[in-house]
Amino acid sequence: RSVDADDKTSDVLVKVIDNSVAAFLQYRNTASSPAIEQASQAIFSAWKNKKRLEIYGVGNSGVVAQDAQHKFFRLGITSQASSDAHIQALGATMLQPEDCLILISNSGRTRDLIDIAEIANQRGAIVIGITSSHTPLSEKTKILLAADNPEGSDQYSPMASRLLHLLIIDILATSVALK
């Protein structure tokens, strides 16, 4: 948002990095440690009790979901990441109590993910949301890891929000690894 058409490459470098650093610092200062603890405990319990861990996102958030699957796989935790709405809907209908579903969305307004959260809740799964506060999706989660960022969700290619989501996944994976 702060980049201008006539900026030099050196200006772009500073502005993009400053934007990302500001997002990280804002998250550090506002993150809910109890919510992170609750989410990491739910994921750990799902693994320990041989329950499912599903991770869903669409677009950029789908890429973050794949990164999360990779991180948990390296910890020996089997999970399934998907960015396909049909596969997500089918997966949600197979969830059971104590299974975990992580939903990742910058806007928190993706209709398919909201519907999937409703299905997962009806099935008794633990729905963890990595999304903006006060959105339709955040209202459907049991555990909200609020990823509030001033970057507009209408932008063609959100940058800082994607990095923030990756950071939250790193925090979750590290917390689960310690358990």
Protein backbone atom coordinates (compact mmCIF):
# COMPACT_ATOMS: atom_id res chain seq x y z
CA ARG A 1 0.00 0.00 0.00
CA SER A 2 2.87 2.37 0.73
CA VAL A 3 4.72 1.62 -2.51
CA ASP A 4 4.46 4.31 -5.18
CA ALA A 5 4.79 3.80 -8.94
CA ASP A 6 7.90 5.96 -9.07
CA ASP A 7 9.69 4.25 -6.15
CA LYS A 8 13.21 2.98 -6.73
CA THR A 9 14.00 -0.66 -6.04
CA SER A 10 15.74 0.35 -2.81
CA ASP A 11 12.54 2.14 -1.70
CA VAL A 12 10.42 -0.93 -2.51
CA LEU A 13 12.81 -3.15 -0.55
CA VAL A 14 12.52 -1.00 2.58
CA LYS A 15 8.75 -0.49 2.32
CA VAL A 16 7.91 -4.17 1.80
CA ILE A 17 10.17 -5.28 4.65
CA ASP A 18 8.87 -2.54 6.96
CA ASN A 19 5.28 -3.59 6.18
CA SER A 20 6.03 -7.22 7.06
CA VAL A 21 7.95 -6.35 10.20
CA ALA A 22 5.12 -4.07 11.35
CA ALA A 23 2.63 -6.92 10.87
CA PHE A 24 4.81 -9.29 12.92
CA LEU A 25 5.26 -6.76 15.72
CA GLN A 26 1.56 -6.01 15.81
CA TYR A 27 0.82 -9.73 16.08
CA ARG A 28 3.43 -10.20 18.80
CA ASN A 29 1.77 -7.45 20.83
CA THR A 30 -1.82 -8.62 20.35
CA ALA A 31 -1.60 -12.42 20.01
CA SER A 32 -3.57 -14.47 22.48
CA SER A 33 -1.22 -16.88 24.26
CA PRO A 34 -4.19 -18.79 25.74
CA ALA A 35 -5.65 -19.31 22.25
CA ILE A 36 -2.30 -20.53 20.92
CA GLU A 37 -1.99 -22.89 23.89
CA GLN A 38 -5.53 -24.17 23.35
CA ALA A 39 -4.91 -24.74 19.62
CA SER A 40 -1.57 -26.48 20.14
CA GLN A 41 -3.08 -28.69 22.84
CA ALA A 42 -5.99 -29.63 20.55
CA ILE A 43 -3.58 -30.55 17.73
CA PHE A 44 -1.35 -32.51 20.12
CA SER A 45 -4.36 -34.35 21.55
CA ALA A 46 -5.65 -35.17 18.08
CA TRP A 47 -2.27 -36.67 17.19
CA LYS A 48 -1.94 -38.54 20.49
CA ASN A 49 -5.44 -40.01 20.18
CA LYS A 50 -5.02 -40.87 16.48
CA LYS A 51 -7.60 -38.31 15.40
CA ARG A 52 -7.56 -36.35 12.15
CA LEU A 53 -5.91 -33.02 11.46
CA GLU A 54 -7.24 -31.25 8.37
CA ILE A 55 -5.92 -27.89 7.15
CA TYR A 56 -7.90 -25.89 4.59
CA GLY A 57 -7.38 -22.64 2.76
CA VAL A 58 -8.16 -21.16 -0.65
CA GLY A 59 -5.76 -19.26 -2.94
CA ASN A 60 -2.80 -17.87 -1.00
CA SER A 61 -4.23 -19.45 2.12
CA GLY A 62 -4.18 -22.83 0.38
CA VAL A 63 -0.42 -22.48 -0.02
CA VAL A 64 -0.15 -21.71 3.70
CA ALA A 65 -2.22 -24.84 4.43
CA GLN A 66 0.27 -26.92 2.42
CA ASP A 67 3.14 -25.38 4.38
CA ALA A 68 1.36 -26.31 7.62
CA GLN A 69 0.93 -29.90 6.44
CA HIS A 70 4.66 -30.03 5.70
CA LYS A 71 5.56 -28.63 9.13
CA PHE A 72 3.35 -31.10 10.97
CA PHE A 73 4.57 -33.98 8.76
CA ARG A 74 8.14 -33.21 9.82
CA LEU A 75 6.95 -33.61 13.42
CA GLY A 76 5.45 -37.01 12.61
CA ILE A 77 1.89 -35.69 12.68
CA THR A 78 -0.22 -36.88 9.80
CA SER A 79 -2.45 -34.19 8.35
CA GLN A 80 -4.27 -33.39 5.14
CA ALA A 81 -4.11 -29.98 3.47
CA SER A 82 -6.53 -29.00 0.74
CA SER A 83 -7.37 -25.92 -1.28
CA ASP A 84 -10.17 -27.58 -3.26
CA ALA A 85 -13.66 -26.69 -1.97
CA HIS A 86 -15.18 -30.04 -2.97
CA ILE A 87 -12.47 -32.05 -1.20
CA GLN A 88 -12.78 -29.74 1.80
CA ALA A 89 -16.54 -30.29 2.01
CA LEU A 90 -16.13 -34.06 1.75
CA GLY A 91 -13.39 -34.02 4.37
CA ALA A 92 -15.47 -31.92 6.73
CA THR A 93 -18.36 -34.40 6.55
CA MET A 94 -16.01 -37.15 7.77
CA LEU A 95 -14.72 -35.24 10.79
CA GLN A 96 -15.55 -36.54 14.24
CA PRO A 97 -15.30 -35.23 17.80
CA GLU A 98 -11.71 -34.41 18.80
CA ASP A 99 -10.60 -34.18 15.15
CA CYS A 100 -9.03 -30.80 14.38
CA LEU A 101 -9.71 -28.57 11.41
CA ILE A 102 -7.52 -25.53 10.80
CA LEU A 103 -9.14 -22.98 8.48
CA ILE A 104 -6.93 -20.25 7.03
CA SER A 105 -8.40 -17.15 5.41
CA ASN A 106 -7.16 -13.58 5.18
CA SER A 107 -10.60 -12.05 4.65
CA GLY A 108 -12.62 -14.42 6.83
CA ARG A 109 -15.40 -14.08 4.26
CA THR A 110 -14.79 -17.02 1.92
CA ARG A 111 -18.24 -18.61 1.67
CA ASP A 112 -16.94 -22.15 1.10
CA LEU A 113 -14.78 -22.03 4.24
CA ILE A 114 -17.66 -20.62 6.30
CA ASP A 115 -19.87 -23.49 5.14
CA ILE A 116 -17.12 -26.00 5.92
CA ALA A 117 -16.72 -24.55 9.42
CA GLU A 118 -20.45 -25.07 9.97
CA ILE A 119 -20.22 -28.69 8.83
CA ALA A 120 -17.19 -29.35 11.04
CA ASN A 121 -18.93 -27.78 14.03
CA GLN A 122 -21.99 -29.96 13.46
CA ARG A 123 -19.72 -33.01 13.36
CA GLY A 124 -18.16 -32.01 16.71
CA ALA A 125 -14.68 -31.26 15.39
CA ILE A 126 -12.45 -28.61 16.91
CA VAL A 127 -12.35 -25.73 14.43
CA ILE A 128 -9.26 -23.54 14.65
CA GLY A 129 -9.36 -20.34 12.62
CA ILE A 130 -6.37 -18.36 11.41
CA THR A 131 -8.24 -15.36 10.11
CA SER A 132 -9.26 -11.79 10.83
CA SER A 133 -11.35 -11.00 13.90
CA HIS A 134 -15.00 -10.05 13.64
CA THR A 135 -15.63 -11.88 10.37
CA PRO A 136 -18.18 -14.55 9.48
CA LEU A 137 -15.46 -17.23 9.61
CA SER A 138 -14.03 -16.08 12.95
CA GLU A 139 -17.51 -16.42 14.45
CA LYS A 140 -17.62 -20.11 13.39
CA THR A 141 -14.34 -21.13 15.02
CA LYS A 142 -13.91 -22.72 18.42
CA ILE A 143 -10.36 -21.38 18.69
CA LEU A 144 -9.52 -18.11 16.95
CA LEU A 145 -5.91 -17.23 16.23
CA ALA A 146 -6.71 -13.72 15.11
CA ALA A 147 -4.50 -12.60 12.25
CA ASP A 148 -5.55 -8.98 12.08
CA ASN A 149 -3.56 -6.96 9.60
CA PRO A 150 -4.25 -3.54 8.07
CA GLU A 151 -3.45 -4.95 4.63
CA GLY A 152 -6.65 -4.93 2.62
CA SER A 153 -8.09 -8.30 1.62
CA ASP A 154 -9.13 -6.75 -1.69
CA GLN A 155 -5.54 -6.51 -2.86
CA TYR A 156 -4.58 -8.77 -5.74
CA SER A 157 -1.73 -10.46 -3.90
CA PRO A 158 -1.70 -10.02 -0.12
CA MET A 159 1.85 -10.23 1.16
CA ALA A 160 2.08 -9.37 4.85
CA SER A 161 -1.05 -11.37 5.69
CA ARG A 162 0.38 -14.51 4.06
CA LEU A 163 3.62 -14.07 6.00
CA LEU A 164 1.62 -13.54 9.19
CA HIS A 165 -0.32 -16.77 8.57
CA LEU A 166 2.97 -18.63 8.01
CA LEU A 167 4.31 -17.16 11.25
CA ILE A 168 1.25 -18.38 13.17
CA ILE A 169 1.71 -21.86 11.70
CA ASP A 170 5.38 -21.76 12.80
CA ILE A 171 4.30 -20.80 16.33
CA LEU A 172 1.73 -23.60 16.40
CA ALA A 173 4.16 -26.21 15.07
CA THR A 174 6.82 -25.16 17.58
CA SER A 175 4.31 -25.27 20.45
CA VAL A 176 3.10 -28.72 19.38
CA ALA A 177 6.70 -29.95 19.02
CA LEU A 178 7.42 -28.92 22.60
CA LYS A 179 4.48 -31.02 23.78
